[in-house]
Structures are given as structure tokens and as C-alpha cells.
């Protein structure tokens, strides 16, 4: 039984590690967002809503770059600056999607901001994997 679990882990290591790291990144994102809106930001104010969203994004991206590089994609790229720039660029695109969704769900459809933020994370999670795998941490053999 244990051999089978190990074999499955080895076969799907990247995806399993991405789900774990992505889950932790989501906790960082949601946690920092909730700290903002429960302490010093008013999510009913459109500007403050987006500021809280950006703060949570910065926290999550910093955590995600380090953990994705090391544990998920096991990058050996020596040009970390270029790699980090690609990572941030990819995450900016999903930030824009996140912000549009939050504006629509909260400001237009008047949904609860905390539930909206939670739901939007699933869209962002999937897109971040695709961008990271095929754009940021692409192995040389994939070129």
C-alpha cells in the first residue's frame, strides 16, 4: 500500500505540491485580506476594498514565488531576477482578473466580500498554475 502511495506521489508530485503550496498561498492571501478588512479597511468603500485586495496579493505573491520555485517547480534557473519578474508579471494578470471579479461580485452584485474573495481564489488558483508551469518555470526541455 505504501509503495503505491509513494508511486502516485512521484507521478503527480508537481500537482500535489502545487495544491499544497497553493492552499498555503490562499491562506496567506485570505488571511492578510481579512486582517485588512477586519481591522483598518472598509470593504464597502470601493477604493479600500481594492487596497485590501492589493495588500493581500503582495503578501501572497511573495510567499508563492519562494515556495513555488523551491517546492513545486524545483527551479534551477540562476537568473532569479528575470524569473521573479516573469512570476510577478503572470501574477499581475491574475490580480487584474481578481480585482475585476471582486468589483463585480461586491460592488455590482452586492455579494458578501469575504465569500466573493474565497470564490475568486479558485479561478486565480487554476490560472496561476497554468502561467507558472508554461511561462515562468518552464524547463529547458519544454522549449
C-alpha atoms as a PDB file:
ATOM      1  CA  UNK A   1       0.000   0.000   0.000  1.00  0.00           C
ATOM      2  CA  UNK A   2       2.740   2.466   0.980  1.00  0.00           C
ATOM      3  CA  UNK A   3       4.641   1.689  -2.243  1.00  0.00           C
ATOM      4  CA  UNK A   4       1.564   2.566  -4.253  1.00  0.00           C
ATOM      5  CA  UNK A   5       1.138   5.882  -2.379  1.00  0.00           C
ATOM      6  CA  UNK A   6       4.804   6.735  -2.974  1.00  0.00           C
ATOM      7  CA  UNK A   7       4.496   5.831  -6.663  1.00  0.00           C
ATOM      8  CA  UNK A   8       1.387   8.016  -7.035  1.00  0.00           C
ATOM      9  CA  UNK A   9       3.109  10.890  -5.252  1.00  0.00           C
ATOM     10  CA  UNK A  10       6.148  10.625  -7.541  1.00  0.00           C
ATOM     11  CA  UNK A  11       3.920  10.505 -10.607  1.00  0.00           C
ATOM     12  CA  UNK A  12       1.850  13.551  -9.553  1.00  0.00           C
ATOM     13  CA  UNK A  13       4.434  15.302  -7.359  1.00  0.00           C
ATOM     14  CA  UNK A  14       4.232  18.670  -9.096  1.00  0.00           C
ATOM     15  CA  UNK A  15       0.458  18.886  -8.962  1.00  0.00           C
ATOM     16  CA  UNK A  16       0.253  17.596  -5.373  1.00  0.00           C
ATOM     17  CA  UNK A  17       2.904  20.070  -4.231  1.00  0.00           C
ATOM     18  CA  UNK A  18       1.171  22.871  -6.148  1.00  0.00           C
ATOM     19  CA  UNK A  19      -2.111  22.124  -4.414  1.00  0.00           C
ATOM     20  CA  UNK A  20      -0.393  22.153  -1.016  1.00  0.00           C
ATOM     21  CA  UNK A  21       1.610  25.328  -1.721  1.00  0.00           C
ATOM     22  CA  UNK A  22      -1.390  26.898  -3.455  1.00  0.00           C
ATOM     23  CA  UNK A  23      -3.536  26.121  -0.445  1.00  0.00           C
ATOM     24  CA  UNK A  24      -0.995  27.764   1.841  1.00  0.00           C
ATOM     25  CA  UNK A  25      -0.748  30.740  -0.530  1.00  0.00           C
ATOM     26  CA  UNK A  26      -4.530  31.042  -0.421  1.00  0.00           C
ATOM     27  CA  UNK A  27      -4.381  31.055   3.381  1.00  0.00           C
ATOM     28  CA  UNK A  28      -1.793  33.861   3.223  1.00  0.00           C
ATOM     29  CA  UNK A  29      -3.945  35.793   0.731  1.00  0.00           C
ATOM     30  CA  UNK A  30      -7.224  35.352   2.591  1.00  0.00           C
ATOM     31  CA  UNK A  31      -5.606  35.870   5.977  1.00  0.00           C
ATOM     32  CA  UNK A  32      -3.969  39.137   5.018  1.00  0.00           C
ATOM     33  CA  UNK A  33      -7.177  40.308   3.272  1.00  0.00           C
ATOM     34  CA  UNK A  34      -9.310  39.503   6.313  1.00  0.00           C
ATOM     35  CA  UNK A  35      -6.838  41.217   8.648  1.00  0.00           C
ATOM     36  CA  UNK A  36      -7.119  44.347   6.482  1.00  0.00           C
ATOM     37  CA  UNK A  37     -10.905  44.443   6.289  1.00  0.00           C
ATOM     38  CA  UNK A  38     -11.481  43.433   9.888  1.00  0.00           C
ATOM     39  CA  UNK A  39      -9.037  45.962  11.358  1.00  0.00           C
ATOM     40  CA  UNK A  40      -8.431  49.079   9.280  1.00  0.00           C
ATOM     41  CA  UNK A  41     -10.135  48.864   5.866  1.00  0.00           C
ATOM     42  CA  UNK A  42     -13.831  49.239   4.988  1.00  0.00           C
ATOM     43  CA  UNK A  43     -14.767  46.711   2.277  1.00  0.00           C
ATOM     44  CA  UNK A  44     -17.931  48.711   1.486  1.00  0.00           C
ATOM     45  CA  UNK A  45     -15.675  51.522   0.253  1.00  0.00           C
ATOM     46  CA  UNK A  46     -14.640  50.514  -3.298  1.00  0.00           C
ATOM     47  CA  UNK A  47     -11.160  52.041  -3.011  1.00  0.00           C
ATOM     48  CA  UNK A  48     -10.438  50.464   0.371  1.00  0.00           C
ATOM     49  CA  UNK A  49     -11.735  47.123  -0.928  1.00  0.00           C
ATOM     50  CA  UNK A  50      -9.171  47.204  -3.735  1.00  0.00           C
ATOM     51  CA  UNK A  51      -6.363  48.388  -1.424  1.00  0.00           C
ATOM     52  CA  UNK A  52      -7.050  45.428   0.885  1.00  0.00           C
ATOM     53  CA  UNK A  53      -7.079  43.183  -2.177  1.00  0.00           C
ATOM     54  CA  UNK A  54      -3.698  44.524  -3.345  1.00  0.00           C
ATOM     55  CA  UNK A  55      -2.127  44.130   0.111  1.00  0.00           C
ATOM     56  CA  UNK A  56      -3.293  40.517   0.230  1.00  0.00           C
ATOM     57  CA  UNK A  57      -1.947  39.993  -3.285  1.00  0.00           C
ATOM     58  CA  UNK A  58       1.531  41.309  -2.396  1.00  0.00           C
ATOM     59  CA  UNK A  59       1.723  39.021   0.644  1.00  0.00           C
ATOM     60  CA  UNK A  60       0.560  36.015  -1.358  1.00  0.00           C
ATOM     61  CA  UNK A  61       2.866  36.618  -4.345  1.00  0.00           C
ATOM     62  CA  UNK A  62       5.951  36.964  -2.157  1.00  0.00           C
ATOM     63  CA  UNK A  63       5.102  33.696  -0.392  1.00  0.00           C
ATOM     64  CA  UNK A  64       4.111  31.939  -3.639  1.00  0.00           C
ATOM     65  CA  UNK A  65       7.274  32.796  -5.571  1.00  0.00           C
ATOM     66  CA  UNK A  66       9.578  31.352  -2.938  1.00  0.00           C
ATOM     67  CA  UNK A  67       7.529  28.209  -2.329  1.00  0.00           C
ATOM     68  CA  UNK A  68       6.659  27.508  -5.977  1.00  0.00           C
ATOM     69  CA  UNK A  69      10.278  27.977  -7.038  1.00  0.00           C
ATOM     70  CA  UNK A  70      11.626  25.651  -4.374  1.00  0.00           C
ATOM     71  CA  UNK A  71       8.962  23.027  -3.696  1.00  0.00           C
ATOM     72  CA  UNK A  72       6.716  22.836  -6.754  1.00  0.00           C
ATOM     73  CA  UNK A  73       8.715  23.514  -9.889  1.00  0.00           C
ATOM     74  CA  UNK A  74      12.173  22.973  -8.325  1.00  0.00           C
ATOM     75  CA  UNK A  75      13.630  25.719 -10.467  1.00  0.00           C
ATOM     76  CA  UNK A  76      17.360  25.707 -11.125  1.00  0.00           C
ATOM     77  CA  UNK A  77      17.244  28.987 -13.059  1.00  0.00           C
ATOM     78  CA  UNK A  78      20.227  31.077 -11.987  1.00  0.00           C
ATOM     79  CA  UNK A  79      18.642  34.273 -13.310  1.00  0.00           C
ATOM     80  CA  UNK A  80      16.275  34.699 -10.372  1.00  0.00           C
ATOM     81  CA  UNK A  81      15.563  38.332 -11.184  1.00  0.00           C
ATOM     82  CA  UNK A  82      14.220  37.512 -14.655  1.00  0.00           C
ATOM     83  CA  UNK A  83      12.316  34.537 -13.278  1.00  0.00           C
ATOM     84  CA  UNK A  84      10.817  36.606 -10.459  1.00  0.00           C
ATOM     85  CA  UNK A  85       9.866  39.329 -12.960  1.00  0.00           C
ATOM     86  CA  UNK A  86       8.014  36.760 -15.098  1.00  0.00           C
ATOM     87  CA  UNK A  87       6.341  35.380 -11.990  1.00  0.00           C
ATOM     88  CA  UNK A  88       5.190  38.827 -10.869  1.00  0.00           C
ATOM     89  CA  UNK A  89       4.026  39.634 -14.417  1.00  0.00           C
ATOM     90  CA  UNK A  90       1.941  36.474 -14.542  1.00  0.00           C
ATOM     91  CA  UNK A  91       0.515  37.215 -11.113  1.00  0.00           C
ATOM     92  CA  UNK A  92      -0.323  40.798 -12.140  1.00  0.00           C
ATOM     93  CA  UNK A  93      -2.549  39.373 -14.859  1.00  0.00           C
ATOM     94  CA  UNK A  94      -4.414  37.220 -12.340  1.00  0.00           C
ATOM     95  CA  UNK A  95      -4.568  40.195  -9.954  1.00  0.00           C
ATOM     96  CA  UNK A  96      -6.426  42.140 -12.644  1.00  0.00           C
ATOM     97  CA  UNK A  97      -8.844  39.232 -13.044  1.00  0.00           C
ATOM     98  CA  UNK A  98      -9.191  39.054  -9.241  1.00  0.00           C
ATOM     99  CA  UNK A  99      -9.916  42.790  -8.988  1.00  0.00           C
ATOM    100  CA  UNK A 100     -12.480  42.718 -11.798  1.00  0.00           C
ATOM    101  CA  UNK A 101     -14.247  39.753 -10.200  1.00  0.00           C
ATOM    102  CA  UNK A 102     -14.223  41.375  -6.743  1.00  0.00           C
ATOM    103  CA  UNK A 103     -15.578  44.641  -8.147  1.00  0.00           C
ATOM    104  CA  UNK A 104     -18.351  42.804  -9.982  1.00  0.00           C
ATOM    105  CA  UNK A 105     -19.294  40.483  -7.124  1.00  0.00           C
ATOM    106  CA  UNK A 106     -19.140  43.055  -4.318  1.00  0.00           C
ATOM    107  CA  UNK A 107     -19.839  46.439  -5.897  1.00  0.00           C
ATOM    108  CA  UNK A 108     -22.237  45.378  -8.678  1.00  0.00           C
ATOM    109  CA  UNK A 109     -23.903  42.190  -7.413  1.00  0.00           C
ATOM    110  CA  UNK A 110     -23.618  43.159  -3.710  1.00  0.00           C
ATOM    111  CA  UNK A 111     -22.333  39.762  -2.591  1.00  0.00           C
ATOM    112  CA  UNK A 112     -20.546  39.359   0.726  1.00  0.00           C
ATOM    113  CA  UNK A 113     -16.929  40.418   0.141  1.00  0.00           C
ATOM    114  CA  UNK A 114     -15.451  37.577   2.214  1.00  0.00           C
ATOM    115  CA  UNK A 115     -17.351  34.876   0.328  1.00  0.00           C
ATOM    116  CA  UNK A 116     -16.606  36.560  -3.000  1.00  0.00           C
ATOM    117  CA  UNK A 117     -12.892  36.679  -2.183  1.00  0.00           C
ATOM    118  CA  UNK A 118     -12.972  32.993  -1.276  1.00  0.00           C
ATOM    119  CA  UNK A 119     -14.722  32.019  -4.538  1.00  0.00           C
ATOM    120  CA  UNK A 120     -12.451  34.131  -6.737  1.00  0.00           C
ATOM    121  CA  UNK A 121      -9.426  32.313  -5.305  1.00  0.00           C
ATOM    122  CA  UNK A 122     -10.390  29.153  -7.220  1.00  0.00           C
ATOM    123  CA  UNK A 123     -10.204  30.966 -10.566  1.00  0.00           C
ATOM    124  CA  UNK A 124      -6.915  32.621  -9.621  1.00  0.00           C
ATOM    125  CA  UNK A 125      -5.503  29.309  -8.324  1.00  0.00           C
ATOM    126  CA  UNK A 126      -6.042  27.500 -11.648  1.00  0.00           C
ATOM    127  CA  UNK A 127      -4.742  30.354 -13.792  1.00  0.00           C
ATOM    128  CA  UNK A 128      -1.655  30.769 -11.627  1.00  0.00           C
ATOM    129  CA  UNK A 129      -0.720  27.115 -12.142  1.00  0.00           C
ATOM    130  CA  UNK A 130      -1.044  27.372 -15.906  1.00  0.00           C
ATOM    131  CA  UNK A 131       1.022  30.572 -16.067  1.00  0.00           C
ATOM    132  CA  UNK A 132       3.686  29.206 -13.706  1.00  0.00           C
ATOM    133  CA  UNK A 133       4.059  25.871 -15.479  1.00  0.00           C
ATOM    134  CA  UNK A 134       4.063  27.097 -19.062  1.00  0.00           C
ATOM    135  CA  UNK A 135       5.538  30.583 -18.754  1.00  0.00           C
ATOM    136  CA  UNK A 136       7.555  31.173 -15.582  1.00  0.00           C
ATOM    137  CA  UNK A 137       9.128  27.872 -14.533  1.00  0.00           C
ATOM    138  CA  UNK A 138       9.202  26.166 -17.920  1.00  0.00           C
ATOM    139  CA  UNK A 139      12.030  23.645 -18.046  1.00  0.00           C
ATOM    140  CA  UNK A 140      14.597  23.998 -20.833  1.00  0.00           C
ATOM    141  CA  UNK A 141      13.426  20.694 -22.315  1.00  0.00           C
ATOM    142  CA  UNK A 142       9.932  22.218 -22.699  1.00  0.00           C
ATOM    143  CA  UNK A 143      11.219  24.932 -25.056  1.00  0.00           C
END
